Amino acid sequence: MTETEAFLPNWASPPGDTIADVLEEQKISVSAFSKRIGCSVGEAKDLLAGRISMSLGLARKLHAELGATVEFWMSRDFHYRESVARLNSAEMKDWLAELPLGDMVRFGWMRPVSASQEAASCLRFFDVPDVSAWRTRYAQLQERVAFRSSPSFESRPGSVAAWLRQGEIEALSVKCAPWKPSVFESQLNDIRRLTREKDPAKFVPSLRDLCAIAGVAVVIVRAPNGCRASGATHFLSDRQALLQLSFRMISSGSASSTKPGICCSTVAKDFSWKEWGSPRRRKSVRQAPLPSASSFRRSGATRCWF
């Protein structure tokens, strides 16, 4: 970060956070604190949650009871309100409308929060400081993704971005050996045998184990509304690759007539032969051109199936 760049956190911390730290350190209860500053317990809780704006009189009471200067408390509240305004700007509201917030909460990707905290919660989920950084990271997905077919991807990029991000998060907990394309290709015969198994409870653990040996994390992430992806592949780092499948691919209730095991095998074969240049090249009239292995690694390209 250069000296001219401002620090723009993807969260907003109210003065109440500082007050709570002081109360805990001094072992003062909220009830006792409310009496000391002359307010009800409910009002004290609202202050801690940031629902009450700082007045000069309140800042003077905090100075007298907890310490720090009046200027500190006024400034602390000002910066909090400024952060909330930034996080709830018109641009931010438009961005939130692009995301499948209901599904993100329903699927357990984010905890339920108040409307005023939705922006901060989403920025934390995507690990970006602002909407501009999110667009830099995710708005170019269409250019970086090779499609198996042509769904209405452009209309819901936020849904696909959320699905991919959750896959990255879940992959962090998957233990894998370092990425070895030759080992992965040697596993393909065993992966093909999974096409005979219809029960996801049996073939998914086997697929995960086979891929982990070669440095590929396999995650199953339910696709939110607006995301038609069945599978995607990309590198998480130079040492680990990701094979991400949606519930659509493995669900026995899928609209696809293809057996789940065959879907997994097909994705795995494309993952190896197409993205990382196996000498065996399968022909597919629906397959869009993919970058070379070296350019794939440089660009961090992502492959999705729809």
C-alpha atoms as a PDB file:
ATOM      1  CA  MET A   1       0.000   0.000   0.000  1.00  0.00           C
ATOM      2  CA  THR A   2       1.426   3.382  -0.970  1.00  0.00           C
ATOM      3  CA  GLU A   3       1.437   6.397   1.323  1.00  0.00           C
ATOM      4  CA  THR A   4      -1.350   8.004  -0.728  1.00  0.00           C
ATOM      5  CA  GLU A   5      -3.681   5.005  -0.527  1.00  0.00           C
ATOM      6  CA  ALA A   6      -6.344   5.183   2.164  1.00  0.00           C
ATOM      7  CA  PHE A   7      -7.078   2.240   4.408  1.00  0.00           C
ATOM      8  CA  LEU A   8     -10.645   1.202   3.610  1.00  0.00           C
ATOM      9  CA  PRO A   9     -11.613  -1.759   5.799  1.00  0.00           C
ATOM     10  CA  ASN A  10     -14.478  -4.032   4.810  1.00  0.00           C
ATOM     11  CA  TRP A  11     -16.068  -3.599   8.208  1.00  0.00           C
ATOM     12  CA  ALA A  12     -17.351  -0.806  10.454  1.00  0.00           C
ATOM     13  CA  SER A  13     -16.532  -0.843  14.160  1.00  0.00           C
ATOM     14  CA  PRO A  14     -18.749   1.337  16.398  1.00  0.00           C
ATOM     15  CA  PRO A  15     -17.415   3.188  19.450  1.00  0.00           C
ATOM     16  CA  GLY A  16     -19.308   0.560  21.422  1.00  0.00           C
ATOM     17  CA  ASP A  17     -16.582  -1.947  20.565  1.00  0.00           C
ATOM     18  CA  THR A  18     -14.034   0.221  22.370  1.00  0.00           C
ATOM     19  CA  ILE A  19     -16.436   0.806  25.247  1.00  0.00           C
ATOM     20  CA  ALA A  20     -17.045  -2.950  25.571  1.00  0.00           C
ATOM     21  CA  ASP A  21     -13.289  -3.602  25.719  1.00  0.00           C
ATOM     22  CA  VAL A  22     -12.903  -1.055  28.516  1.00  0.00           C
ATOM     23  CA  LEU A  23     -15.881  -2.462  30.441  1.00  0.00           C
ATOM     24  CA  GLU A  24     -14.456  -5.963  30.186  1.00  0.00           C
ATOM     25  CA  GLU A  25     -11.006  -4.821  31.266  1.00  0.00           C
ATOM     26  CA  GLN A  26     -12.394  -2.914  34.258  1.00  0.00           C
ATOM     27  CA  LYS A  27     -14.967  -5.630  35.016  1.00  0.00           C
ATOM     28  CA  ILE A  28     -17.894  -3.219  34.765  1.00  0.00           C
ATOM     29  CA  SER A  29     -21.308  -4.670  33.900  1.00  0.00           C
ATOM     30  CA  VAL A  30     -23.566  -3.070  31.312  1.00  0.00           C
ATOM     31  CA  SER A  31     -26.068  -2.356  34.070  1.00  0.00           C
ATOM     32  CA  ALA A  32     -23.489  -0.564  36.197  1.00  0.00           C
ATOM     33  CA  PHE A  33     -22.193   1.292  33.144  1.00  0.00           C
ATOM     34  CA  SER A  34     -25.688   2.529  32.260  1.00  0.00           C
ATOM     35  CA  LYS A  35     -26.110   3.980  35.750  1.00  0.00           C
ATOM     36  CA  ARG A  36     -22.728   5.707  35.606  1.00  0.00           C
ATOM     37  CA  ILE A  37     -23.581   7.543  32.381  1.00  0.00           C
ATOM     38  CA  GLY A  38     -27.214   8.147  33.308  1.00  0.00           C
ATOM     39  CA  CYS A  39     -29.160   6.025  30.840  1.00  0.00           C
ATOM     40  CA  SER A  40     -31.236   2.857  30.758  1.00  0.00           C
ATOM     41  CA  VAL A  41     -29.730  -0.596  30.193  1.00  0.00           C
ATOM     42  CA  GLY A  42     -31.455  -0.704  26.811  1.00  0.00           C
ATOM     43  CA  GLU A  43     -29.889   2.597  25.775  1.00  0.00           C
ATOM     44  CA  ALA A  44     -26.487   1.372  26.927  1.00  0.00           C
ATOM     45  CA  LYS A  45     -26.858  -1.730  24.771  1.00  0.00           C
ATOM     46  CA  ASP A  46     -27.866   0.449  21.812  1.00  0.00           C
ATOM     47  CA  LEU A  47     -24.727   2.511  22.364  1.00  0.00           C
ATOM     48  CA  LEU A  48     -22.553  -0.596  22.369  1.00  0.00           C
ATOM     49  CA  ALA A  49     -24.203  -1.788  19.142  1.00  0.00           C
ATOM     50  CA  GLY A  50     -23.690   1.551  17.399  1.00  0.00           C
ATOM     51  CA  ARG A  51     -27.385   2.386  17.223  1.00  0.00           C
ATOM     52  CA  ILE A  52     -26.937   5.653  19.147  1.00  0.00           C
ATOM     53  CA  SER A  53     -24.891   8.489  17.675  1.00  0.00           C
ATOM     54  CA  MET A  54     -22.295  10.175  19.850  1.00  0.00           C
ATOM     55  CA  SER A  55     -23.274  13.561  21.251  1.00  0.00           C
ATOM     56  CA  LEU A  56     -20.923  16.018  22.916  1.00  0.00           C
ATOM     57  CA  GLY A  57     -22.617  15.403  26.244  1.00  0.00           C
ATOM     58  CA  LEU A  58     -22.261  11.637  25.909  1.00  0.00           C
ATOM     59  CA  ALA A  59     -18.615  11.996  24.893  1.00  0.00           C
ATOM     60  CA  ARG A  60     -17.998  14.023  28.062  1.00  0.00           C
ATOM     61  CA  LYS A  61     -19.624  11.311  30.196  1.00  0.00           C
ATOM     62  CA  LEU A  62     -17.473   8.621  28.565  1.00  0.00           C
ATOM     63  CA  HIS A  63     -14.382  10.760  29.157  1.00  0.00           C
ATOM     64  CA  ALA A  64     -15.287  11.106  32.841  1.00  0.00           C
ATOM     65  CA  GLU A  65     -16.217   7.456  33.442  1.00  0.00           C
ATOM     66  CA  LEU A  66     -13.943   5.468  31.100  1.00  0.00           C
ATOM     67  CA  GLY A  67     -11.111   7.782  30.168  1.00  0.00           C
ATOM     68  CA  ALA A  68      -9.798   8.971  26.773  1.00  0.00           C
ATOM     69  CA  THR A  69     -10.519  12.491  25.583  1.00  0.00           C
ATOM     70  CA  VAL A  70     -13.798  13.958  24.462  1.00  0.00           C
ATOM     71  CA  GLU A  71     -12.196  14.488  21.048  1.00  0.00           C
ATOM     72  CA  PHE A  72     -11.320  10.783  20.861  1.00  0.00           C
ATOM     73  CA  TRP A  73     -14.906   9.655  21.416  1.00  0.00           C
ATOM     74  CA  MET A  74     -16.318  12.185  18.956  1.00  0.00           C
ATOM     75  CA  SER A  75     -13.747  11.202  16.328  1.00  0.00           C
ATOM     76  CA  ARG A  76     -14.326   7.515  16.970  1.00  0.00           C
ATOM     77  CA  ASP A  77     -18.040   7.908  16.273  1.00  0.00           C
ATOM     78  CA  PHE A  78     -17.452  10.140  13.237  1.00  0.00           C
ATOM     79  CA  HIS A  79     -15.210   7.571  11.548  1.00  0.00           C
ATOM     80  CA  TYR A  80     -17.695   4.815  12.331  1.00  0.00           C
ATOM     81  CA  ARG A  81     -20.580   6.732  10.757  1.00  0.00           C
ATOM     82  CA  GLU A  82     -18.372   7.551   7.776  1.00  0.00           C
ATOM     83  CA  SER A  83     -17.557   3.859   7.291  1.00  0.00           C
ATOM     84  CA  VAL A  84     -21.220   2.876   7.548  1.00  0.00           C
ATOM     85  CA  ALA A  85     -22.133   5.504   4.928  1.00  0.00           C
ATOM     86  CA  ARG A  86     -19.413   4.217   2.610  1.00  0.00           C
ATOM     87  CA  LEU A  87     -20.516   0.621   3.045  1.00  0.00           C
ATOM     88  CA  ASN A  88     -24.141   1.583   2.392  1.00  0.00           C
ATOM     89  CA  SER A  89     -23.550   3.848  -0.603  1.00  0.00           C
ATOM     90  CA  ALA A  90     -25.650   3.641  -3.758  1.00  0.00           C
ATOM     91  CA  GLU A  91     -22.921   1.642  -5.485  1.00  0.00           C
ATOM     92  CA  MET A  92     -22.876  -0.764  -2.574  1.00  0.00           C
ATOM     93  CA  LYS A  93     -26.640  -1.218  -2.700  1.00  0.00           C
ATOM     94  CA  ASP A  94     -26.478  -1.969  -6.425  1.00  0.00           C
ATOM     95  CA  TRP A  95     -23.755  -4.531  -5.752  1.00  0.00           C
ATOM     96  CA  LEU A  96     -25.733  -6.216  -2.997  1.00  0.00           C
ATOM     97  CA  ALA A  97     -28.643  -6.545  -5.429  1.00  0.00           C
ATOM     98  CA  GLU A  98     -26.363  -8.621  -7.691  1.00  0.00           C
ATOM     99  CA  LEU A  99     -25.624 -11.163  -4.971  1.00  0.00           C
ATOM    100  CA  PRO A 100     -27.805 -14.124  -3.928  1.00  0.00           C
ATOM    101  CA  LEU A 101     -27.918 -12.907  -0.326  1.00  0.00           C
ATOM    102  CA  GLY A 102     -30.849 -15.095   0.678  1.00  0.00           C
ATOM    103  CA  ASP A 103     -29.135 -18.280  -0.450  1.00  0.00           C
ATOM    104  CA  MET A 104     -25.780 -17.209   0.974  1.00  0.00           C
ATOM    105  CA  VAL A 105     -27.384 -16.979   4.412  1.00  0.00           C
ATOM    106  CA  ARG A 106     -29.638 -20.021   3.925  1.00  0.00           C
ATOM    107  CA  PHE A 107     -26.695 -22.205   2.864  1.00  0.00           C
ATOM    108  CA  GLY A 108     -24.677 -21.091   5.902  1.00  0.00           C
ATOM    109  CA  TRP A 109     -22.043 -19.155   3.936  1.00  0.00           C
ATOM    110  CA  MET A 110     -22.783 -16.037   6.002  1.00  0.00           C
ATOM    111  CA  ARG A 111     -24.529 -15.433   9.291  1.00  0.00           C
ATOM    112  CA  PRO A 112     -27.797 -13.476   9.294  1.00  0.00           C
ATOM    113  CA  VAL A 113     -27.108  -9.777   9.882  1.00  0.00           C
ATOM    114  CA  SER A 114     -29.082  -6.554   9.928  1.00  0.00           C
ATOM    115  CA  ALA A 115     -29.554  -4.647   6.689  1.00  0.00           C
ATOM    116  CA  SER A 116     -26.971  -2.061   7.777  1.00  0.00           C
ATOM    117  CA  GLN A 117     -24.338  -4.786   8.179  1.00  0.00           C
ATOM    118  CA  GLU A 118     -25.005  -6.700   4.935  1.00  0.00           C
ATOM    119  CA  ALA A 119     -22.374  -4.806   2.969  1.00  0.00           C
ATOM    120  CA  ALA A 120     -19.641  -5.382   5.532  1.00  0.00           C
ATOM    121  CA  SER A 121     -20.579  -9.044   5.850  1.00  0.00           C
ATOM    122  CA  CYS A 122     -20.418  -9.580   2.071  1.00  0.00           C
ATOM    123  CA  LEU A 123     -17.088  -7.788   1.752  1.00  0.00           C
ATOM    124  CA  ARG A 124     -15.666 -10.039   4.460  1.00  0.00           C
ATOM    125  CA  PHE A 125     -17.054 -13.096   2.667  1.00  0.00           C
ATOM    126  CA  PHE A 126     -15.288 -12.165  -0.567  1.00  0.00           C
ATOM    127  CA  ASP A 127     -12.210 -10.899   1.328  1.00  0.00           C
ATOM    128  CA  VAL A 128     -12.139  -7.555  -0.485  1.00  0.00           C
ATOM    129  CA  PRO A 129     -12.098  -3.991   0.910  1.00  0.00           C
ATOM    130  CA  ASP A 130     -14.708  -2.456  -1.414  1.00  0.00           C
ATOM    131  CA  VAL A 131     -16.902  -2.986  -4.463  1.00  0.00           C
ATOM    132  CA  SER A 132     -14.218  -1.731  -6.817  1.00  0.00           C
ATOM    133  CA  ALA A 133     -11.808  -4.410  -5.603  1.00  0.00           C
ATOM    134  CA  TRP A 134     -14.544  -7.041  -5.970  1.00  0.00           C
ATOM    135  CA  ARG A 135     -15.207  -6.023  -9.555  1.00  0.00           C
ATOM    136  CA  THR A 136     -11.509  -6.119 -10.331  1.00  0.00           C
ATOM    137  CA  ARG A 137     -11.354  -9.656  -8.994  1.00  0.00           C
ATOM    138  CA  TYR A 138     -14.645 -11.088 -10.215  1.00  0.00           C
ATOM    139  CA  ALA A 139     -16.080  -8.929 -13.008  1.00  0.00           C
ATOM    140  CA  GLN A 140     -13.626 -10.411 -15.492  1.00  0.00           C
ATOM    141  CA  LEU A 141     -14.920 -13.942 -14.908  1.00  0.00           C
ATOM    142  CA  GLN A 142     -16.655 -14.092 -18.273  1.00  0.00           C
ATOM    143  CA  GLU A 143     -13.375 -13.445 -20.066  1.00  0.00           C
ATOM    144  CA  ARG A 144     -11.513 -15.971 -17.928  1.00  0.00           C
ATOM    145  CA  VAL A 145     -14.070 -18.788 -18.017  1.00  0.00           C
ATOM    146  CA  ALA A 146     -14.403 -21.389 -20.756  1.00  0.00           C
ATOM    147  CA  PHE A 147     -18.023 -22.505 -21.047  1.00  0.00           C
ATOM    148  CA  ARG A 148     -19.356 -25.899 -22.014  1.00  0.00           C
ATOM    149  CA  SER A 149     -22.590 -24.249 -23.174  1.00  0.00           C
ATOM    150  CA  SER A 150     -24.122 -20.766 -23.275  1.00  0.00           C
ATOM    151  CA  PRO A 151     -26.390 -20.080 -20.276  1.00  0.00           C
ATOM    152  CA  SER A 152     -27.413 -16.610 -19.127  1.00  0.00           C
ATOM    153  CA  PHE A 153     -24.147 -16.251 -17.207  1.00  0.00           C
ATOM    154  CA  GLU A 154     -23.851 -12.530 -17.864  1.00  0.00           C
ATOM    155  CA  SER A 155     -27.095 -11.791 -16.026  1.00  0.00           C
ATOM    156  CA  ARG A 156     -25.976 -13.224 -12.674  1.00  0.00           C
ATOM    157  CA  PRO A 157     -22.195 -12.931 -12.324  1.00  0.00           C
ATOM    158  CA  GLY A 158     -22.628 -12.222  -8.622  1.00  0.00           C
ATOM    159  CA  SER A 159     -24.181 -15.645  -8.070  1.00  0.00           C
ATOM    160  CA  VAL A 160     -21.365 -17.446  -9.876  1.00  0.00           C
ATOM    161  CA  ALA A 161     -18.756 -15.377  -8.014  1.00  0.00           C
ATOM    162  CA  ALA A 162     -20.359 -16.270  -4.665  1.00  0.00           C
ATOM    163  CA  TRP A 163     -20.386 -19.970  -5.587  1.00  0.00           C
ATOM    164  CA  LEU A 164     -16.730 -19.907  -6.637  1.00  0.00           C
ATOM    165  CA  ARG A 165     -15.737 -17.999  -3.498  1.00  0.00           C
ATOM    166  CA  GLN A 166     -17.446 -20.527  -1.227  1.00  0.00           C
ATOM    167  CA  GLY A 167     -15.565 -23.259  -3.059  1.00  0.00           C
ATOM    168  CA  GLU A 168     -12.280 -21.498  -2.325  1.00  0.00           C
ATOM    169  CA  ILE A 169     -13.213 -21.181   1.347  1.00  0.00           C
ATOM    170  CA  GLU A 170     -14.152 -24.850   1.711  1.00  0.00           C
ATOM    171  CA  ALA A 171     -11.033 -25.964  -0.147  1.00  0.00           C
ATOM    172  CA  LEU A 172      -8.856 -24.345   2.533  1.00  0.00           C
ATOM    173  CA  SER A 173      -9.741 -27.177   4.917  1.00  0.00           C
ATOM    174  CA  VAL A 174      -9.000 -29.955   2.410  1.00  0.00           C
ATOM    175  CA  LYS A 175      -5.666 -31.697   2.963  1.00  0.00           C
ATOM    176  CA  CYS A 176      -3.882 -32.410  -0.295  1.00  0.00           C
ATOM    177  CA  ALA A 177      -0.476 -33.473  -1.518  1.00  0.00           C
ATOM    178  CA  PRO A 178       1.357 -30.953  -3.741  1.00  0.00           C
ATOM    179  CA  TRP A 179      -0.074 -30.659  -7.256  1.00  0.00           C
ATOM    180  CA  LYS A 180       1.278 -33.375  -9.572  1.00  0.00           C
ATOM    181  CA  PRO A 181      -0.380 -33.585 -13.021  1.00  0.00           C
ATOM    182  CA  SER A 182       1.252 -36.923 -13.851  1.00  0.00           C
ATOM    183  CA  VAL A 183      -0.146 -38.485 -10.688  1.00  0.00           C
ATOM    184  CA  PHE A 184      -3.567 -37.015 -11.410  1.00  0.00           C
ATOM    185  CA  GLU A 185      -3.618 -38.493 -14.894  1.00  0.00           C
ATOM    186  CA  SER A 186      -2.580 -41.864 -13.541  1.00  0.00           C
ATOM    187  CA  GLN A 187      -5.687 -41.802 -11.314  1.00  0.00           C
ATOM    188  CA  LEU A 188      -8.110 -41.369 -14.214  1.00  0.00           C
ATOM    189  CA  ASN A 189      -8.759 -45.070 -14.713  1.00  0.00           C
ATOM    190  CA  ASP A 190      -9.830 -45.365 -11.097  1.00  0.00           C
ATOM    191  CA  ILE A 191     -11.950 -42.232 -11.445  1.00  0.00           C
ATOM    192  CA  ARG A 192     -13.661 -43.715 -14.505  1.00  0.00           C
ATOM    193  CA  ARG A 193     -14.748 -46.677 -12.424  1.00  0.00           C
ATOM    194  CA  LEU A 194     -16.790 -44.258 -10.331  1.00  0.00           C
ATOM    195  CA  THR A 195     -19.228 -44.018 -13.264  1.00  0.00           C
ATOM    196  CA  ARG A 196     -20.626 -47.361 -12.154  1.00  0.00           C
ATOM    197  CA  GLU A 197     -21.567 -45.981  -8.757  1.00  0.00           C
ATOM    198  CA  LYS A 198     -24.820 -44.006  -8.468  1.00  0.00           C
ATOM    199  CA  ASP A 199     -24.689 -43.259  -4.741  1.00  0.00           C
ATOM    200  CA  PRO A 200     -22.907 -39.912  -4.028  1.00  0.00           C
ATOM    201  CA  ALA A 201     -22.216 -41.087  -0.473  1.00  0.00           C
ATOM    202  CA  LYS A 202     -19.927 -43.728  -1.974  1.00  0.00           C
ATOM    203  CA  PHE A 203     -18.359 -42.132  -5.038  1.00  0.00           C
ATOM    204  CA  VAL A 204     -17.717 -38.609  -3.649  1.00  0.00           C
ATOM    205  CA  PRO A 205     -15.346 -39.738  -0.818  1.00  0.00           C
ATOM    206  CA  SER A 206     -13.506 -41.927  -3.328  1.00  0.00           C
ATOM    207  CA  LEU A 207     -13.207 -39.056  -5.786  1.00  0.00           C
ATOM    208  CA  ARG A 208     -11.871 -36.778  -3.042  1.00  0.00           C
ATOM    209  CA  ASP A 209      -9.258 -39.310  -1.941  1.00  0.00           C
ATOM    210  CA  LEU A 210      -8.046 -40.011  -5.478  1.00  0.00           C
ATOM    211  CA  CYS A 211      -7.755 -36.320  -6.295  1.00  0.00           C
ATOM    212  CA  ALA A 212      -6.110 -35.333  -2.995  1.00  0.00           C
ATOM    213  CA  ILE A 213      -3.193 -37.651  -3.713  1.00  0.00           C
ATOM    214  CA  ALA A 214      -2.478 -35.595  -6.845  1.00  0.00           C
ATOM    215  CA  GLY A 215      -2.905 -32.207  -5.169  1.00  0.00           C
ATOM    216  CA  VAL A 216      -6.496 -31.533  -6.210  1.00  0.00           C
ATOM    217  CA  ALA A 217      -9.047 -30.450  -3.605  1.00  0.00           C
ATOM    218  CA  VAL A 218     -12.585 -31.628  -4.387  1.00  0.00           C
ATOM    219  CA  VAL A 219     -15.449 -29.650  -2.864  1.00  0.00           C
ATOM    220  CA  ILE A 220     -19.200 -29.971  -3.291  1.00  0.00           C
ATOM    221  CA  VAL A 221     -20.906 -26.573  -3.114  1.00  0.00           C
ATOM    222  CA  ARG A 222     -24.594 -26.042  -3.672  1.00  0.00           C
ATOM    223  CA  ALA A 223     -25.219 -23.548  -6.494  1.00  0.00           C
ATOM    224  CA  PRO A 224     -27.227 -20.489  -5.400  1.00  0.00           C
ATOM    225  CA  ASN A 225     -30.065 -18.986  -7.375  1.00  0.00           C
ATOM    226  CA  GLY A 226     -28.717 -17.520 -10.603  1.00  0.00           C
ATOM    227  CA  CYS A 227     -25.722 -19.860 -10.847  1.00  0.00           C
ATOM    228  CA  ARG A 228     -26.082 -22.689 -13.354  1.00  0.00           C
ATOM    229  CA  ALA A 229     -22.629 -24.120 -12.852  1.00  0.00           C
ATOM    230  CA  SER A 230     -22.228 -27.868 -12.572  1.00  0.00           C
ATOM    231  CA  GLY A 231     -18.480 -27.806 -12.061  1.00  0.00           C
ATOM    232  CA  ALA A 232     -15.404 -25.598 -12.172  1.00  0.00           C
ATOM    233  CA  THR A 233     -11.649 -26.027 -11.958  1.00  0.00           C
ATOM    234  CA  HIS A 234      -8.814 -23.653 -11.208  1.00  0.00           C
ATOM    235  CA  PHE A 235      -5.602 -23.321  -9.219  1.00  0.00           C
ATOM    236  CA  LEU A 236      -5.727 -22.122  -5.635  1.00  0.00           C
ATOM    237  CA  SER A 237      -1.933 -21.859  -5.649  1.00  0.00           C
ATOM    238  CA  ASP A 238       1.055 -23.317  -7.442  1.00  0.00           C
ATOM    239  CA  ARG A 239       0.769 -26.343  -5.149  1.00  0.00           C
ATOM    240  CA  GLN A 240      -2.969 -26.947  -5.076  1.00  0.00           C
ATOM    241  CA  ALA A 241      -5.745 -27.181  -7.651  1.00  0.00           C
ATOM    242  CA  LEU A 242      -9.494 -27.144  -7.079  1.00  0.00           C
ATOM    243  CA  LEU A 243     -12.230 -29.290  -8.596  1.00  0.00           C
ATOM    244  CA  GLN A 244     -15.552 -27.779  -7.535  1.00  0.00           C
ATOM    245  CA  LEU A 245     -18.868 -29.524  -8.119  1.00  0.00           C
ATOM    246  CA  SER A 246     -22.372 -28.278  -7.453  1.00  0.00           C
ATOM    247  CA  PHE A 247     -25.208 -30.266  -5.921  1.00  0.00           C
ATOM    248  CA  ARG A 248     -26.751 -30.157  -9.391  1.00  0.00           C
ATOM    249  CA  MET A 249     -24.005 -32.452 -10.656  1.00  0.00           C
ATOM    250  CA  ILE A 250     -24.238 -35.100  -7.964  1.00  0.00           C
ATOM    251  CA  SER A 251     -27.874 -34.938  -6.895  1.00  0.00           C
ATOM    252  CA  SER A 252     -29.946 -37.934  -7.798  1.00  0.00           C
ATOM    253  CA  GLY A 253     -32.788 -35.506  -8.348  1.00  0.00           C
ATOM    254  CA  SER A 254     -30.853 -33.586 -10.979  1.00  0.00           C
ATOM    255  CA  ALA A 255     -32.638 -32.628 -14.174  1.00  0.00           C
ATOM    256  CA  SER A 256     -29.708 -34.109 -16.069  1.00  0.00           C
ATOM    257  CA  SER A 257     -30.142 -37.667 -17.273  1.00  0.00           C
ATOM    258  CA  THR A 258     -26.414 -38.259 -16.914  1.00  0.00           C
ATOM    259  CA  LYS A 259     -25.417 -40.455 -13.996  1.00  0.00           C
ATOM    260  CA  PRO A 260     -23.621 -38.531 -11.220  1.00  0.00           C
ATOM    261  CA  GLY A 261     -20.578 -40.784 -11.391  1.00  0.00           C
ATOM    262  CA  ILE A 262     -20.203 -40.129 -15.106  1.00  0.00           C
ATOM    263  CA  CYS A 263     -20.417 -36.375 -14.493  1.00  0.00           C
ATOM    264  CA  CYS A 264     -17.617 -36.518 -11.928  1.00  0.00           C
ATOM    265  CA  SER A 265     -15.463 -38.619 -14.218  1.00  0.00           C
ATOM    266  CA  THR A 266     -16.060 -36.275 -17.161  1.00  0.00           C
ATOM    267  CA  VAL A 267     -15.135 -33.227 -15.111  1.00  0.00           C
ATOM    268  CA  ALA A 268     -12.006 -34.919 -13.796  1.00  0.00           C
ATOM    269  CA  LYS A 269     -10.907 -35.952 -17.301  1.00  0.00           C
ATOM    270  CA  ASP A 270     -11.477 -32.466 -18.710  1.00  0.00           C
ATOM    271  CA  PHE A 271      -9.707 -31.033 -15.699  1.00  0.00           C
ATOM    272  CA  SER A 272      -6.556 -32.997 -16.472  1.00  0.00           C
ATOM    273  CA  TRP A 273      -6.497 -33.296 -20.255  1.00  0.00           C
ATOM    274  CA  LYS A 274      -7.766 -29.894 -21.241  1.00  0.00           C
ATOM    275  CA  GLU A 275      -6.426 -27.510 -18.632  1.00  0.00           C
ATOM    276  CA  TRP A 276      -3.008 -29.077 -18.112  1.00  0.00           C
ATOM    277  CA  GLY A 277      -2.160 -30.468 -21.501  1.00  0.00           C
ATOM    278  CA  SER A 278      -2.278 -34.260 -21.392  1.00  0.00           C
ATOM    279  CA  PRO A 279      -1.049 -35.867 -24.621  1.00  0.00           C
ATOM    280  CA  ARG A 280      -4.517 -37.359 -25.019  1.00  0.00           C
ATOM    281  CA  ARG A 281      -6.915 -34.792 -26.477  1.00  0.00           C
ATOM    282  CA  ARG A 282     -10.612 -35.561 -26.439  1.00  0.00           C
ATOM    283  CA  LYS A 283     -12.702 -33.953 -29.142  1.00  0.00           C
ATOM    284  CA  SER A 284     -15.788 -32.009 -28.185  1.00  0.00           C
ATOM    285  CA  VAL A 285     -17.796 -29.906 -30.582  1.00  0.00           C
ATOM    286  CA  ARG A 286     -19.110 -27.900 -27.643  1.00  0.00           C
ATOM    287  CA  GLN A 287     -15.768 -27.264 -26.001  1.00  0.00           C
ATOM    288  CA  ALA A 288     -14.563 -23.659 -26.150  1.00  0.00           C
ATOM    289  CA  PRO A 289     -10.828 -23.051 -26.664  1.00  0.00           C
ATOM    290  CA  LEU A 290      -8.832 -23.116 -23.453  1.00  0.00           C
ATOM    291  CA  PRO A 291      -5.526 -21.404 -22.672  1.00  0.00           C
ATOM    292  CA  SER A 292      -2.277 -23.295 -22.503  1.00  0.00           C
ATOM    293  CA  ALA A 293      -1.159 -24.762 -19.205  1.00  0.00           C
ATOM    294  CA  SER A 294       1.364 -21.972 -18.660  1.00  0.00           C
ATOM    295  CA  SER A 295      -1.046 -19.163 -19.487  1.00  0.00           C
ATOM    296  CA  PHE A 296      -3.718 -20.869 -17.381  1.00  0.00           C
ATOM    297  CA  ARG A 297      -1.441 -20.703 -14.360  1.00  0.00           C
ATOM    298  CA  ARG A 298      -0.474 -17.095 -15.044  1.00  0.00           C
ATOM    299  CA  SER A 299      -4.007 -15.861 -15.536  1.00  0.00           C
ATOM    300  CA  GLY A 300      -5.599 -17.962 -12.797  1.00  0.00           C
ATOM    301  CA  ALA A 301      -8.219 -18.985 -15.348  1.00  0.00           C
ATOM    302  CA  THR A 302     -11.330 -20.715 -14.125  1.00  0.00           C
ATOM    303  CA  ARG A 303     -13.263 -23.411 -15.976  1.00  0.00           C
ATOM    304  CA  CYS A 304     -17.001 -23.799 -15.431  1.00  0.00           C
ATOM    305  CA  TRP A 305     -19.511 -26.334 -16.726  1.00  0.00           C
ATOM    306  CA  PHE A 306     -23.137 -25.308 -17.133  1.00  0.00           C
END
